[in-house]
Amino acid sequence: MDTQKVVIIGGGAAGLSAALYLARAGLAPLVFAGSPPGGQLMLTSDVENFPGQESILGGQLITQMRKQAIKFGAVMRDENVLTLDIKGKNKTVNGVKTQSVILATGARALWLGLDCEKRFRGKGVSACATCDGFFFRNKAVAVVGGGDSALEEALTLTKFASKVYIVHRRAEFKASKIMQKRVLEHEKIEVIWNAEVKDIKGEKKVEGLVLKTEEGEKTLAVDGVFIAIGHKPDTELFKEQVELDKKGYIITSARYGIELLKAQNAPLEVQEKTYDPLFQTMTSESGVFAAGDCVDFIYKQASTAAGTGVQSALDTEKWLEKNEA
């Protein structure tokens, strides 16, 4: 069996951007795009903040990116990776031998687990205020959660919405003090403590929330609901292969370098020699790179994922040149 130059795991914005650059470099990358392929953008309706696209459906954007990568020589397999060994020189992914690998499996927003969430996704239910806040200009919205992410979402939404409710199941936030101060002092934000979302009401779009409170059930009239209870990176398959942080995000050379600057003693229990500063997207394993939301726990945008996908492709190309037998 011939050995691939590079295999990409993930068919979202990061993986497809990497595939495009590597394909144009003549490396014919093999992309395991997943089943179904496309990542989180496939769950997004209108995308208005991707450079060069005034408005496009998430699925259409992915389709265009796939076609562009294939045009230049990328090979797509719409299947999930079930087996891999990417440690050492002889790497395999689903039985395919490869010299290098890019991990671009993304992350999943954590949901409440209500059946109605799926029905209203793209119709008033979202997990990204930066992505979808614009669609709720002068409307009332609710944010569910109590951590820093939830409070940041609420503050972002105040730029658009007329009213922002924060629904939190406890009597106090677990967010940082500075974030709590900003939220509690904001005139547009109202906190509903000790409340849980039991249902989301509406016909064709969100019209309200049914909340379970200490006083009993109540209905809250809102036009949008933003679930902000966290994200989970899709990296379970890699936990014995490359270094992950406590939340499961892949640690790259860039991340490790930042952590070293933040503290004299590295807070991440990794060996400094395993990270090569020449390749900022390389993981703890030589020849294995990572990009997108499986690395990025801060921005979580399609455009930033695409950017890191490009970085990983350029790093991979240079690494292959440096390590060519």
C-alpha atoms as a PDB file:
ATOM      1  CA  MET A   1       0.000   0.000   0.000  1.00  0.00           C
ATOM      2  CA  ASP A   2       1.322   3.429  -0.963  1.00  0.00           C
ATOM      3  CA  THR A   3       1.972   5.913   1.818  1.00  0.00           C
ATOM      4  CA  GLN A   4       0.054   9.204   1.818  1.00  0.00           C
ATOM      5  CA  LYS A   5       1.951  12.431   2.290  1.00  0.00           C
ATOM      6  CA  VAL A   6      -0.770  13.784   4.574  1.00  0.00           C
ATOM      7  CA  VAL A   7      -4.115  12.692   5.984  1.00  0.00           C
ATOM      8  CA  ILE A   8      -6.611  15.226   7.352  1.00  0.00           C
ATOM      9  CA  ILE A   9      -9.181  14.139   9.925  1.00  0.00           C
ATOM     10  CA  GLY A  10     -12.183  16.447   9.796  1.00  0.00           C
ATOM     11  CA  GLY A  11     -14.319  17.942   7.025  1.00  0.00           C
ATOM     12  CA  GLY A  12     -15.269  21.292   8.546  1.00  0.00           C
ATOM     13  CA  ALA A  13     -13.852  24.761   7.921  1.00  0.00           C
ATOM     14  CA  ALA A  14     -10.419  23.927   9.369  1.00  0.00           C
ATOM     15  CA  GLY A  15      -9.948  20.594   7.622  1.00  0.00           C
ATOM     16  CA  LEU A  16     -11.157  21.847   4.242  1.00  0.00           C
ATOM     17  CA  SER A  17      -8.980  24.973   4.388  1.00  0.00           C
ATOM     18  CA  ALA A  18      -5.970  22.788   5.138  1.00  0.00           C
ATOM     19  CA  ALA A  19      -6.975  20.466   2.291  1.00  0.00           C
ATOM     20  CA  LEU A  20      -7.168  23.369  -0.165  1.00  0.00           C
ATOM     21  CA  TYR A  21      -3.671  24.639   0.636  1.00  0.00           C
ATOM     22  CA  LEU A  22      -2.096  21.189   0.614  1.00  0.00           C
ATOM     23  CA  ALA A  23      -3.858  20.254  -2.608  1.00  0.00           C
ATOM     24  CA  ARG A  24      -2.581  23.407  -4.319  1.00  0.00           C
ATOM     25  CA  ALA A  25       0.898  22.458  -3.095  1.00  0.00           C
ATOM     26  CA  GLY A  26       0.554  19.183  -5.036  1.00  0.00           C
ATOM     27  CA  LEU A  27       0.352  16.932  -1.954  1.00  0.00           C
ATOM     28  CA  ALA A  28      -3.078  15.392  -2.773  1.00  0.00           C
ATOM     29  CA  PRO A  29      -4.287  15.216   0.853  1.00  0.00           C
ATOM     30  CA  LEU A  30      -6.704  12.487   1.872  1.00  0.00           C
ATOM     31  CA  VAL A  31      -9.539  13.934   3.964  1.00  0.00           C
ATOM     32  CA  PHE A  32     -11.621  11.779   6.291  1.00  0.00           C
ATOM     33  CA  ALA A  33     -14.529  14.227   6.369  1.00  0.00           C
ATOM     34  CA  GLY A  34     -16.766  12.278   8.756  1.00  0.00           C
ATOM     35  CA  SER A  35     -20.249  10.845   8.373  1.00  0.00           C
ATOM     36  CA  PRO A  36     -22.207  13.012   8.008  1.00  0.00           C
ATOM     37  CA  PRO A  37     -19.490  15.438   6.847  1.00  0.00           C
ATOM     38  CA  GLY A  38     -19.242  19.180   7.350  1.00  0.00           C
ATOM     39  CA  GLY A  39     -18.904  19.864  11.067  1.00  0.00           C
ATOM     40  CA  GLN A  40     -20.853  22.512  12.998  1.00  0.00           C
ATOM     41  CA  LEU A  41     -21.477  24.675   9.934  1.00  0.00           C
ATOM     42  CA  MET A  42     -23.926  22.039   8.719  1.00  0.00           C
ATOM     43  CA  LEU A  43     -26.122  22.916  11.723  1.00  0.00           C
ATOM     44  CA  THR A  44     -25.989  26.641  10.947  1.00  0.00           C
ATOM     45  CA  SER A  45     -28.578  28.402   8.830  1.00  0.00           C
ATOM     46  CA  ASP A  46     -27.506  31.840   7.580  1.00  0.00           C
ATOM     47  CA  VAL A  47     -23.805  32.693   7.807  1.00  0.00           C
ATOM     48  CA  GLU A  48     -23.146  36.413   7.399  1.00  0.00           C
ATOM     49  CA  ASN A  49     -19.732  36.806   9.042  1.00  0.00           C
ATOM     50  CA  PHE A  50     -17.522  34.622   6.856  1.00  0.00           C
ATOM     51  CA  PRO A  51     -15.239  36.887   4.786  1.00  0.00           C
ATOM     52  CA  GLY A  52     -16.347  37.170   1.186  1.00  0.00           C
ATOM     53  CA  GLN A  53     -19.865  35.876   1.859  1.00  0.00           C
ATOM     54  CA  GLU A  54     -22.593  38.421   2.593  1.00  0.00           C
ATOM     55  CA  SER A  55     -25.058  35.660   3.395  1.00  0.00           C
ATOM     56  CA  ILE A  56     -24.834  31.921   2.808  1.00  0.00           C
ATOM     57  CA  LEU A  57     -26.239  28.772   4.349  1.00  0.00           C
ATOM     58  CA  GLY A  58     -23.694  26.851   6.422  1.00  0.00           C
ATOM     59  CA  GLY A  59     -24.176  23.745   4.295  1.00  0.00           C
ATOM     60  CA  GLN A  60     -23.634  25.703   1.086  1.00  0.00           C
ATOM     61  CA  LEU A  61     -20.418  27.200   2.430  1.00  0.00           C
ATOM     62  CA  ILE A  62     -19.060  23.740   3.254  1.00  0.00           C
ATOM     63  CA  THR A  63     -20.073  22.467  -0.197  1.00  0.00           C
ATOM     64  CA  GLN A  64     -18.191  25.310  -1.879  1.00  0.00           C
ATOM     65  CA  MET A  65     -15.085  24.705   0.239  1.00  0.00           C
ATOM     66  CA  ARG A  66     -15.166  20.965  -0.557  1.00  0.00           C
ATOM     67  CA  LYS A  67     -15.499  21.579  -4.300  1.00  0.00           C
ATOM     68  CA  GLN A  68     -12.605  24.026  -4.256  1.00  0.00           C
ATOM     69  CA  ALA A  69     -10.326  21.591  -2.408  1.00  0.00           C
ATOM     70  CA  ILE A  70     -11.308  18.691  -4.693  1.00  0.00           C
ATOM     71  CA  LYS A  71     -10.691  20.844  -7.773  1.00  0.00           C
ATOM     72  CA  PHE A  72      -7.021  21.122  -6.822  1.00  0.00           C
ATOM     73  CA  GLY A  73      -6.555  17.455  -5.974  1.00  0.00           C
ATOM     74  CA  ALA A  74      -7.841  16.735  -2.460  1.00  0.00           C
ATOM     75  CA  VAL A  75      -9.488  13.325  -1.989  1.00  0.00           C
ATOM     76  CA  MET A  76     -12.590  13.128   0.219  1.00  0.00           C
ATOM     77  CA  ARG A  77     -13.850  10.146   2.156  1.00  0.00           C
ATOM     78  CA  ASP A  78     -17.121  10.778   3.995  1.00  0.00           C
ATOM     79  CA  GLU A  79     -16.416   8.304   6.765  1.00  0.00           C
ATOM     80  CA  ASN A  80     -15.532   8.488  10.440  1.00  0.00           C
ATOM     81  CA  VAL A  81     -12.085   7.546  11.681  1.00  0.00           C
ATOM     82  CA  LEU A  82     -12.388   4.470  13.872  1.00  0.00           C
ATOM     83  CA  THR A  83      -8.760   3.378  14.201  1.00  0.00           C
ATOM     84  CA  LEU A  84      -5.496   5.265  14.135  1.00  0.00           C
ATOM     85  CA  ASP A  85      -1.921   5.085  15.314  1.00  0.00           C
ATOM     86  CA  ILE A  86      -0.176   8.421  14.845  1.00  0.00           C
ATOM     87  CA  LYS A  87       2.695   7.960  17.272  1.00  0.00           C
ATOM     88  CA  GLY A  88       6.161   7.517  15.833  1.00  0.00           C
ATOM     89  CA  LYS A  89       7.237   7.533  12.204  1.00  0.00           C
ATOM     90  CA  ASN A  90       4.850   4.899  10.839  1.00  0.00           C
ATOM     91  CA  LYS A  91       1.396   6.476  11.113  1.00  0.00           C
ATOM     92  CA  THR A  92      -1.914   4.945  10.058  1.00  0.00           C
ATOM     93  CA  VAL A  93      -5.453   6.324   9.925  1.00  0.00           C
ATOM     94  CA  ASN A  94      -8.261   3.831   9.220  1.00  0.00           C
ATOM     95  CA  GLY A  95      -5.574   1.534   7.866  1.00  0.00           C
ATOM     96  CA  VAL A  96      -4.099   4.179   5.535  1.00  0.00           C
ATOM     97  CA  LYS A  97      -0.364   4.758   5.929  1.00  0.00           C
ATOM     98  CA  THR A  98       0.676   8.402   6.049  1.00  0.00           C
ATOM     99  CA  GLN A  99       3.743  10.519   6.746  1.00  0.00           C
ATOM    100  CA  SER A 100       1.808  13.315   8.478  1.00  0.00           C
ATOM    101  CA  VAL A 101      -1.622  14.001   9.945  1.00  0.00           C
ATOM    102  CA  ILE A 102      -3.760  17.080  10.605  1.00  0.00           C
ATOM    103  CA  LEU A 103      -6.359  16.761  13.361  1.00  0.00           C
ATOM    104  CA  ALA A 104      -9.324  19.031  12.650  1.00  0.00           C
ATOM    105  CA  THR A 105     -12.243  17.284  14.306  1.00  0.00           C
ATOM    106  CA  GLY A 106     -13.775  20.404  15.847  1.00  0.00           C
ATOM    107  CA  ALA A 107     -15.893  20.651  18.967  1.00  0.00           C
ATOM    108  CA  ARG A 108     -19.543  20.231  19.843  1.00  0.00           C
ATOM    109  CA  ALA A 109     -21.655  22.678  21.786  1.00  0.00           C
ATOM    110  CA  LEU A 110     -23.209  21.067  24.845  1.00  0.00           C
ATOM    111  CA  TRP A 111     -26.995  21.142  24.743  1.00  0.00           C
ATOM    112  CA  LEU A 112     -29.686  20.804  27.395  1.00  0.00           C
ATOM    113  CA  GLY A 113     -30.926  17.524  25.971  1.00  0.00           C
ATOM    114  CA  LEU A 114     -34.438  18.690  25.108  1.00  0.00           C
ATOM    115  CA  ASP A 115     -36.104  17.337  21.972  1.00  0.00           C
ATOM    116  CA  CYS A 116     -37.260  20.838  21.048  1.00  0.00           C
ATOM    117  CA  GLU A 117     -33.654  22.094  20.799  1.00  0.00           C
ATOM    118  CA  LYS A 118     -33.070  20.250  17.542  1.00  0.00           C
ATOM    119  CA  ARG A 119     -36.409  21.390  16.121  1.00  0.00           C
ATOM    120  CA  PHE A 120     -35.589  25.044  16.712  1.00  0.00           C
ATOM    121  CA  ARG A 121     -31.904  25.092  15.755  1.00  0.00           C
ATOM    122  CA  GLY A 122     -31.522  27.851  13.198  1.00  0.00           C
ATOM    123  CA  LYS A 123     -35.032  29.029  14.099  1.00  0.00           C
ATOM    124  CA  GLY A 124     -34.231  30.804  17.343  1.00  0.00           C
ATOM    125  CA  VAL A 125     -32.012  28.316  19.178  1.00  0.00           C
ATOM    126  CA  SER A 126     -28.268  28.912  18.941  1.00  0.00           C
ATOM    127  CA  ALA A 127     -25.013  28.218  20.759  1.00  0.00           C
ATOM    128  CA  CYS A 128     -23.114  31.244  19.416  1.00  0.00           C
ATOM    129  CA  ALA A 129     -24.023  34.877  20.103  1.00  0.00           C
ATOM    130  CA  THR A 130     -21.197  36.161  17.921  1.00  0.00           C
ATOM    131  CA  CYS A 131     -22.552  34.115  15.010  1.00  0.00           C
ATOM    132  CA  ASP A 132     -26.274  34.760  15.398  1.00  0.00           C
ATOM    133  CA  GLY A 133     -26.778  37.786  17.655  1.00  0.00           C
ATOM    134  CA  PHE A 134     -27.337  40.085  14.674  1.00  0.00           C
ATOM    135  CA  PHE A 135     -30.563  38.263  13.797  1.00  0.00           C
ATOM    136  CA  PHE A 136     -32.116  39.311  17.114  1.00  0.00           C
ATOM    137  CA  ARG A 137     -31.846  43.064  16.784  1.00  0.00           C
ATOM    138  CA  ASN A 138     -34.425  44.801  19.025  1.00  0.00           C
ATOM    139  CA  LYS A 139     -35.780  41.470  20.261  1.00  0.00           C
ATOM    140  CA  ALA A 140     -35.850  39.685  23.627  1.00  0.00           C
ATOM    141  CA  VAL A 141     -33.502  36.730  24.066  1.00  0.00           C
ATOM    142  CA  ALA A 142     -32.424  34.341  26.812  1.00  0.00           C
ATOM    143  CA  VAL A 143     -29.009  32.903  27.625  1.00  0.00           C
ATOM    144  CA  VAL A 144     -28.884  29.613  29.515  1.00  0.00           C
ATOM    145  CA  GLY A 145     -25.821  29.110  31.720  1.00  0.00           C
ATOM    146  CA  GLY A 146     -23.810  30.652  34.517  1.00  0.00           C
ATOM    147  CA  GLY A 147     -20.144  30.492  33.593  1.00  0.00           C
ATOM    148  CA  ASP A 148     -17.878  33.006  31.894  1.00  0.00           C
ATOM    149  CA  SER A 149     -19.012  31.847  28.460  1.00  0.00           C
ATOM    150  CA  ALA A 150     -22.666  32.426  29.278  1.00  0.00           C
ATOM    151  CA  LEU A 151     -22.020  35.900  30.653  1.00  0.00           C
ATOM    152  CA  GLU A 152     -19.881  36.799  27.648  1.00  0.00           C
ATOM    153  CA  GLU A 153     -22.702  35.644  25.375  1.00  0.00           C
ATOM    154  CA  ALA A 154     -25.160  37.818  27.294  1.00  0.00           C
ATOM    155  CA  LEU A 155     -22.949  40.897  27.028  1.00  0.00           C
ATOM    156  CA  THR A 156     -22.467  40.303  23.298  1.00  0.00           C
ATOM    157  CA  LEU A 157     -26.217  40.059  22.809  1.00  0.00           C
ATOM    158  CA  THR A 158     -26.830  43.428  24.492  1.00  0.00           C
ATOM    159  CA  LYS A 159     -25.369  45.025  21.351  1.00  0.00           C
ATOM    160  CA  PHE A 160     -28.371  43.757  19.404  1.00  0.00           C
ATOM    161  CA  ALA A 161     -31.239  42.634  21.628  1.00  0.00           C
ATOM    162  CA  SER A 162     -33.612  44.935  23.475  1.00  0.00           C
ATOM    163  CA  LYS A 163     -33.667  42.600  26.493  1.00  0.00           C
ATOM    164  CA  VAL A 164     -31.381  39.770  27.594  1.00  0.00           C
ATOM    165  CA  TYR A 165     -32.410  37.248  30.238  1.00  0.00           C
ATOM    166  CA  ILE A 166     -29.860  34.944  31.839  1.00  0.00           C
ATOM    167  CA  VAL A 167     -31.437  31.713  33.051  1.00  0.00           C
ATOM    168  CA  HIS A 168     -29.264  30.019  35.653  1.00  0.00           C
ATOM    169  CA  ARG A 169     -30.126  26.912  37.625  1.00  0.00           C
ATOM    170  CA  ARG A 170     -28.256  28.049  40.743  1.00  0.00           C
ATOM    171  CA  ALA A 171     -28.460  31.036  43.091  1.00  0.00           C
ATOM    172  CA  GLU A 172     -25.050  32.386  42.100  1.00  0.00           C
ATOM    173  CA  PHE A 173     -22.766  32.475  39.084  1.00  0.00           C
ATOM    174  CA  LYS A 174     -19.592  30.455  38.771  1.00  0.00           C
ATOM    175  CA  ALA A 175     -18.156  33.074  36.398  1.00  0.00           C
ATOM    176  CA  SER A 176     -15.307  35.439  37.281  1.00  0.00           C
ATOM    177  CA  LYS A 177     -16.077  38.400  39.539  1.00  0.00           C
ATOM    178  CA  ILE A 178     -15.395  40.986  36.839  1.00  0.00           C
ATOM    179  CA  MET A 179     -17.813  39.282  34.443  1.00  0.00           C
ATOM    180  CA  GLN A 180     -20.457  39.072  37.144  1.00  0.00           C
ATOM    181  CA  LYS A 181     -20.095  42.788  37.887  1.00  0.00           C
ATOM    182  CA  ARG A 182     -20.502  43.752  34.235  1.00  0.00           C
ATOM    183  CA  VAL A 183     -23.581  41.583  33.827  1.00  0.00           C
ATOM    184  CA  LEU A 184     -25.332  42.514  37.054  1.00  0.00           C
ATOM    185  CA  GLU A 185     -24.839  46.226  36.392  1.00  0.00           C
ATOM    186  CA  HIS A 186     -26.010  46.117  32.767  1.00  0.00           C
ATOM    187  CA  GLU A 187     -29.372  47.787  32.226  1.00  0.00           C
ATOM    188  CA  LYS A 188     -30.456  45.383  29.475  1.00  0.00           C
ATOM    189  CA  ILE A 189     -29.733  42.182  31.424  1.00  0.00           C
ATOM    190  CA  GLU A 190     -32.036  40.468  33.903  1.00  0.00           C
ATOM    191  CA  VAL A 191     -30.997  37.304  35.745  1.00  0.00           C
ATOM    192  CA  ILE A 192     -33.496  34.581  36.567  1.00  0.00           C
ATOM    193  CA  TRP A 193     -31.970  32.537  39.390  1.00  0.00           C
ATOM    194  CA  ASN A 194     -32.732  28.939  40.384  1.00  0.00           C
ATOM    195  CA  ALA A 195     -34.489  28.179  37.114  1.00  0.00           C
ATOM    196  CA  GLU A 196     -34.279  25.331  34.622  1.00  0.00           C
ATOM    197  CA  VAL A 197     -35.522  25.245  31.041  1.00  0.00           C
ATOM    198  CA  LYS A 198     -38.195  22.570  30.690  1.00  0.00           C
ATOM    199  CA  ASP A 199     -39.437  23.359  27.187  1.00  0.00           C
ATOM    200  CA  ILE A 200     -39.110  25.760  24.267  1.00  0.00           C
ATOM    201  CA  LYS A 201     -42.382  26.991  22.803  1.00  0.00           C
ATOM    202  CA  GLY A 202     -43.245  28.151  19.307  1.00  0.00           C
ATOM    203  CA  GLU A 203     -44.727  27.166  15.972  1.00  0.00           C
ATOM    204  CA  LYS A 204     -42.231  27.883  13.195  1.00  0.00           C
ATOM    205  CA  LYS A 205     -39.747  29.711  15.451  1.00  0.00           C
ATOM    206  CA  VAL A 206     -38.981  30.281  19.126  1.00  0.00           C
ATOM    207  CA  GLU A 207     -41.676  32.215  20.948  1.00  0.00           C
ATOM    208  CA  GLY A 208     -40.942  31.465  24.594  1.00  0.00           C
ATOM    209  CA  LEU A 209     -39.387  29.315  27.307  1.00  0.00           C
ATOM    210  CA  VAL A 210     -41.091  27.205  29.947  1.00  0.00           C
ATOM    211  CA  LEU A 211     -39.044  27.509  33.140  1.00  0.00           C
ATOM    212  CA  LYS A 212     -39.159  25.445  36.308  1.00  0.00           C
ATOM    213  CA  THR A 213     -38.570  27.801  39.248  1.00  0.00           C
ATOM    214  CA  GLU A 214     -38.937  27.686  43.011  1.00  0.00           C
ATOM    215  CA  GLU A 215     -42.381  29.264  42.607  1.00  0.00           C
ATOM    216  CA  GLY A 216     -43.470  26.719  39.996  1.00  0.00           C
ATOM    217  CA  GLU A 217     -43.548  26.760  36.210  1.00  0.00           C
ATOM    218  CA  LYS A 218     -43.508  30.075  34.357  1.00  0.00           C
ATOM    219  CA  THR A 219     -43.377  31.091  30.709  1.00  0.00           C
ATOM    220  CA  LEU A 220     -40.831  33.628  29.516  1.00  0.00           C
ATOM    221  CA  ALA A 221     -41.573  35.350  26.203  1.00  0.00           C
ATOM    222  CA  VAL A 222     -38.390  35.461  24.079  1.00  0.00           C
ATOM    223  CA  ASP A 223     -37.520  35.338  20.388  1.00  0.00           C
ATOM    224  CA  GLY A 224     -34.219  33.523  20.793  1.00  0.00           C
ATOM    225  CA  VAL A 225     -32.440  31.132  23.149  1.00  0.00           C
ATOM    226  CA  PHE A 226     -28.655  30.849  23.407  1.00  0.00           C
ATOM    227  CA  ILE A 227     -27.380  27.711  25.108  1.00  0.00           C
ATOM    228  CA  ALA A 228     -24.065  28.505  26.799  1.00  0.00           C
ATOM    229  CA  ILE A 229     -23.247  25.563  29.029  1.00  0.00           C
ATOM    230  CA  GLY A 230     -19.938  24.747  27.360  1.00  0.00           C
ATOM    231  CA  HIS A 231     -18.288  22.970  24.436  1.00  0.00           C
ATOM    232  CA  LYS A 232     -16.712  19.537  24.182  1.00  0.00           C
ATOM    233  CA  PRO A 233     -13.863  19.004  21.710  1.00  0.00           C
ATOM    234  CA  ASP A 234     -14.148  15.868  19.566  1.00  0.00           C
ATOM    235  CA  THR A 235     -10.789  14.487  20.625  1.00  0.00           C
ATOM    236  CA  GLU A 236     -11.647  11.304  22.499  1.00  0.00           C
ATOM    237  CA  LEU A 237      -9.946   9.244  19.792  1.00  0.00           C
ATOM    238  CA  PHE A 238      -6.658  11.096  20.289  1.00  0.00           C
ATOM    239  CA  LYS A 239      -6.251  10.971  24.071  1.00  0.00           C
ATOM    240  CA  GLU A 240      -3.615   8.223  23.934  1.00  0.00           C
ATOM    241  CA  GLN A 241      -1.952   9.705  20.852  1.00  0.00           C
ATOM    242  CA  VAL A 242      -1.217  13.398  21.570  1.00  0.00           C
ATOM    243  CA  GLU A 243      -1.249  15.649  24.641  1.00  0.00           C
ATOM    244  CA  LEU A 244      -4.647  17.110  25.573  1.00  0.00           C
ATOM    245  CA  ASP A 245      -5.522  19.625  28.265  1.00  0.00           C
ATOM    246  CA  LYS A 246      -7.945  18.837  31.094  1.00  0.00           C
ATOM    247  CA  LYS A 247     -10.958  19.765  28.964  1.00  0.00           C
ATOM    248  CA  GLY A 248      -9.807  17.646  26.039  1.00  0.00           C
ATOM    249  CA  TYR A 249      -8.482  20.377  23.741  1.00  0.00           C
ATOM    250  CA  ILE A 250      -5.359  19.499  21.764  1.00  0.00           C
ATOM    251  CA  ILE A 251      -2.198  21.270  22.908  1.00  0.00           C
ATOM    252  CA  THR A 252      -0.059  22.686  20.100  1.00  0.00           C
ATOM    253  CA  SER A 253       3.342  24.375  20.180  1.00  0.00           C
ATOM    254  CA  ALA A 254       1.638  27.786  20.107  1.00  0.00           C
ATOM    255  CA  ARG A 255      -0.560  26.947  23.087  1.00  0.00           C
ATOM    256  CA  TYR A 256       2.331  25.483  25.034  1.00  0.00           C
ATOM    257  CA  GLY A 257       4.471  28.558  24.420  1.00  0.00           C
ATOM    258  CA  ILE A 258       1.708  30.845  25.693  1.00  0.00           C
ATOM    259  CA  GLU A 259       1.288  28.763  28.831  1.00  0.00           C
ATOM    260  CA  LEU A 260       5.039  28.940  29.496  1.00  0.00           C
ATOM    261  CA  LEU A 261       4.896  32.715  29.302  1.00  0.00           C
ATOM    262  CA  LYS A 262       1.955  32.851  31.717  1.00  0.00           C
ATOM    263  CA  ALA A 263       3.738  30.953  34.470  1.00  0.00           C
ATOM    264  CA  GLN A 264       7.314  30.118  35.422  1.00  0.00           C
ATOM    265  CA  ASN A 265       6.337  26.491  35.927  1.00  0.00           C
ATOM    266  CA  ALA A 266       4.408  25.137  32.962  1.00  0.00           C
ATOM    267  CA  PRO A 267       0.822  24.492  34.130  1.00  0.00           C
ATOM    268  CA  LEU A 268       0.479  21.801  31.480  1.00  0.00           C
ATOM    269  CA  GLU A 269       2.135  18.536  32.397  1.00  0.00           C
ATOM    270  CA  VAL A 270       4.026  18.009  29.172  1.00  0.00           C
ATOM    271  CA  GLN A 271       7.654  17.725  28.225  1.00  0.00           C
ATOM    272  CA  GLU A 272       9.031  20.877  26.641  1.00  0.00           C
ATOM    273  CA  LYS A 273      11.153  18.898  24.197  1.00  0.00           C
ATOM    274  CA  THR A 274       8.073  17.373  22.565  1.00  0.00           C
ATOM    275  CA  TYR A 275       6.982  20.754  21.161  1.00  0.00           C
ATOM    276  CA  ASP A 276       8.768  22.243  18.163  1.00  0.00           C
ATOM    277  CA  PRO A 277       8.500  26.067  18.078  1.00  0.00           C
ATOM    278  CA  LEU A 278       9.259  26.036  14.338  1.00  0.00           C
ATOM    279  CA  PHE A 279       5.806  24.541  13.752  1.00  0.00           C
ATOM    280  CA  GLN A 280       3.209  26.408  15.793  1.00  0.00           C
ATOM    281  CA  THR A 281       0.356  24.024  14.959  1.00  0.00           C
ATOM    282  CA  MET A 282       2.299  20.850  15.721  1.00  0.00           C
ATOM    283  CA  THR A 283       1.103  18.694  18.582  1.00  0.00           C
ATOM    284  CA  SER A 284       3.274  16.793  21.062  1.00  0.00           C
ATOM    285  CA  GLU A 285       3.783  14.174  18.341  1.00  0.00           C
ATOM    286  CA  SER A 286       6.168  15.007  15.497  1.00  0.00           C
ATOM    287  CA  GLY A 287       4.387  15.134  12.150  1.00  0.00           C
ATOM    288  CA  VAL A 288       0.946  15.510  13.724  1.00  0.00           C
ATOM    289  CA  PHE A 289      -0.682  18.939  13.501  1.00  0.00           C
ATOM    290  CA  ALA A 290      -3.991  20.300  14.768  1.00  0.00           C
ATOM    291  CA  ALA A 291      -6.352  23.104  13.775  1.00  0.00           C
ATOM    292  CA  GLY A 292      -9.812  24.508  14.390  1.00  0.00           C
ATOM    293  CA  ASP A 293     -12.136  24.137  17.348  1.00  0.00           C
ATOM    294  CA  CYS A 294     -10.465  20.991  18.682  1.00  0.00           C
ATOM    295  CA  VAL A 295      -7.591  23.371  19.545  1.00  0.00           C
ATOM    296  CA  ASP A 296      -9.337  26.738  19.891  1.00  0.00           C
ATOM    297  CA  PHE A 297     -11.352  27.106  23.089  1.00  0.00           C
ATOM    298  CA  ILE A 298     -11.574  30.911  22.842  1.00  0.00           C
ATOM    299  CA  TYR A 299     -12.860  32.176  19.493  1.00  0.00           C
ATOM    300  CA  LYS A 300     -14.772  29.192  18.058  1.00  0.00           C
ATOM    301  CA  GLN A 301     -15.593  30.852  14.709  1.00  0.00           C
ATOM    302  CA  ALA A 302     -15.658  29.356  11.230  1.00  0.00           C
ATOM    303  CA  SER A 303     -13.252  31.995   9.940  1.00  0.00           C
ATOM    304  CA  THR A 304     -10.710  31.459  12.729  1.00  0.00           C
ATOM    305  CA  ALA A 305     -10.970  27.698  12.206  1.00  0.00           C
ATOM    306  CA  ALA A 306     -10.258  28.218   8.516  1.00  0.00           C
ATOM    307  CA  GLY A 307      -7.264  30.393   9.415  1.00  0.00           C
ATOM    308  CA  THR A 308      -5.706  27.798  11.681  1.00  0.00           C
ATOM    309  CA  GLY A 309      -6.414  25.187   9.020  1.00  0.00           C
ATOM    310  CA  VAL A 310      -4.259  27.215   6.630  1.00  0.00           C
ATOM    311  CA  GLN A 311      -1.533  27.500   9.288  1.00  0.00           C
ATOM    312  CA  SER A 312      -1.534  23.739   9.851  1.00  0.00           C
ATOM    313  CA  ALA A 313      -1.265  23.116   6.106  1.00  0.00           C
ATOM    314  CA  LEU A 314       1.727  25.440   5.757  1.00  0.00           C
ATOM    315  CA  ASP A 315       3.386  23.848   8.791  1.00  0.00           C
ATOM    316  CA  THR A 316       2.762  20.368   7.404  1.00  0.00           C
ATOM    317  CA  GLU A 317       4.197  21.260   4.011  1.00  0.00           C
ATOM    318  CA  LYS A 318       7.368  22.686   5.600  1.00  0.00           C
ATOM    319  CA  TRP A 319       7.673  19.718   7.950  1.00  0.00           C
ATOM    320  CA  LEU A 320       7.426  17.262   5.054  1.00  0.00           C
ATOM    321  CA  GLU A 321      10.143  19.160   3.160  1.00  0.00           C
ATOM    322  CA  LYS A 322      12.370  19.128   6.245  1.00  0.00           C
ATOM    323  CA  ASN A 323      11.819  15.418   6.921  1.00  0.00           C
ATOM    324  CA  GLU A 324      11.794  14.121   3.353  1.00  0.00           C
ATOM    325  CA  ALA A 325      13.645  10.839   3.248  1.00  0.00           C
END
